[in-house]
Amino acid sequence: MKKHKKQPLKPKAMLNNVAKYAHHFNKSITFRDKTKYQRNTKHKHSSYSLCTACSA
């Protein structure tokens, strides 16, 4: 029977965690336009909100 030569063990591949998870974190973010004045309503569910008071 023929003896097999022992081949050298290959080192395990190093995992690059930065490249592995880059698609999760490299996302563009859109910001709201701050040049325009926008006022939030104090009571969203109230019938007397800013929008209805101005139109009446």
C-alpha atoms as a PDB file:
ATOM      1  CA  MET A   1       0.000   0.000   0.000  1.00  0.00           C
ATOM      2  CA  LYS A   2       1.233   3.444  -0.946  1.00  0.00           C
ATOM      3  CA  LYS A   3       1.855   5.932   1.848  1.00  0.00           C
ATOM      4  CA  HIS A   4       0.446   9.399   1.396  1.00  0.00           C
ATOM      5  CA  LYS A   5       2.612  12.378   2.088  1.00  0.00           C
ATOM      6  CA  LYS A   6       1.343  14.715   4.771  1.00  0.00           C
ATOM      7  CA  GLN A   7       0.512  18.012   3.188  1.00  0.00           C
ATOM      8  CA  PRO A   8       1.148  21.171   5.177  1.00  0.00           C
ATOM      9  CA  LEU A   9      -1.955  22.525   6.862  1.00  0.00           C
ATOM     10  CA  LYS A  10      -3.324  25.669   5.301  1.00  0.00           C
ATOM     11  CA  PRO A  11      -3.731  28.533   7.737  1.00  0.00           C
ATOM     12  CA  LYS A  12      -7.371  29.502   8.299  1.00  0.00           C
ATOM     13  CA  ALA A  13      -8.477  32.561   6.426  1.00  0.00           C
ATOM     14  CA  MET A  14      -8.470  35.712   8.503  1.00  0.00           C
ATOM     15  CA  LEU A  15     -11.920  37.242   8.700  1.00  0.00           C
ATOM     16  CA  ASN A  16     -12.038  40.941   7.976  1.00  0.00           C
ATOM     17  CA  ASN A  17     -14.989  42.106  10.068  1.00  0.00           C
ATOM     18  CA  VAL A  18     -14.804  45.639   8.671  1.00  0.00           C
ATOM     19  CA  ALA A  19     -15.310  44.409   5.127  1.00  0.00           C
ATOM     20  CA  LYS A  20     -17.792  41.758   6.206  1.00  0.00           C
ATOM     21  CA  TYR A  21     -20.245  44.208   7.778  1.00  0.00           C
ATOM     22  CA  ALA A  22     -19.522  47.289   5.642  1.00  0.00           C
ATOM     23  CA  HIS A  23     -22.789  46.992   3.706  1.00  0.00           C
ATOM     24  CA  HIS A  24     -24.724  47.450   6.961  1.00  0.00           C
ATOM     25  CA  PHE A  25     -23.054  50.713   7.948  1.00  0.00           C
ATOM     26  CA  ASN A  26     -22.130  52.461   4.684  1.00  0.00           C
ATOM     27  CA  LYS A  27     -25.568  53.864   3.959  1.00  0.00           C
ATOM     28  CA  SER A  28     -26.309  57.383   2.880  1.00  0.00           C
ATOM     29  CA  ILE A  29     -28.551  59.455   5.098  1.00  0.00           C
ATOM     30  CA  THR A  30     -30.932  62.121   3.843  1.00  0.00           C
ATOM     31  CA  PHE A  31     -31.433  65.157   6.030  1.00  0.00           C
ATOM     32  CA  ARG A  32     -34.408  67.481   6.174  1.00  0.00           C
ATOM     33  CA  ASP A  33     -33.985  70.911   4.546  1.00  0.00           C
ATOM     34  CA  LYS A  34     -33.107  73.286   7.386  1.00  0.00           C
ATOM     35  CA  THR A  35     -33.386  76.445   5.254  1.00  0.00           C
ATOM     36  CA  LYS A  36     -37.182  76.349   5.499  1.00  0.00           C
ATOM     37  CA  TYR A  37     -38.996  77.179   8.711  1.00  0.00           C
ATOM     38  CA  GLN A  38     -41.075  74.250   9.883  1.00  0.00           C
ATOM     39  CA  ARG A  39     -43.144  74.355  13.019  1.00  0.00           C
ATOM     40  CA  ASN A  40     -44.430  71.224  14.702  1.00  0.00           C
ATOM     41  CA  THR A  41     -47.913  71.158  16.191  1.00  0.00           C
ATOM     42  CA  LYS A  42     -48.061  70.861  19.966  1.00  0.00           C
ATOM     43  CA  HIS A  43     -51.182  68.696  20.037  1.00  0.00           C
ATOM     44  CA  LYS A  44     -51.402  66.529  16.931  1.00  0.00           C
ATOM     45  CA  HIS A  45     -54.766  64.968  17.728  1.00  0.00           C
ATOM     46  CA  SER A  46     -56.463  68.159  18.837  1.00  0.00           C
ATOM     47  CA  SER A  47     -59.123  69.733  16.628  1.00  0.00           C
ATOM     48  CA  TYR A  48     -57.582  73.160  17.349  1.00  0.00           C
ATOM     49  CA  SER A  49     -54.198  72.600  15.792  1.00  0.00           C
ATOM     50  CA  LEU A  50     -52.197  75.351  14.040  1.00  0.00           C
ATOM     51  CA  CYS A  51     -53.398  74.330  10.604  1.00  0.00           C
ATOM     52  CA  THR A  52     -57.117  74.531  11.415  1.00  0.00           C
ATOM     53  CA  ALA A  53     -56.761  77.772  13.398  1.00  0.00           C
ATOM     54  CA  CYS A  54     -55.085  79.569  10.488  1.00  0.00           C
ATOM     55  CA  SER A  55     -57.625  78.449   7.902  1.00  0.00           C
ATOM     56  CA  ALA A  56     -60.681  79.393  10.002  1.00  0.00           C
END
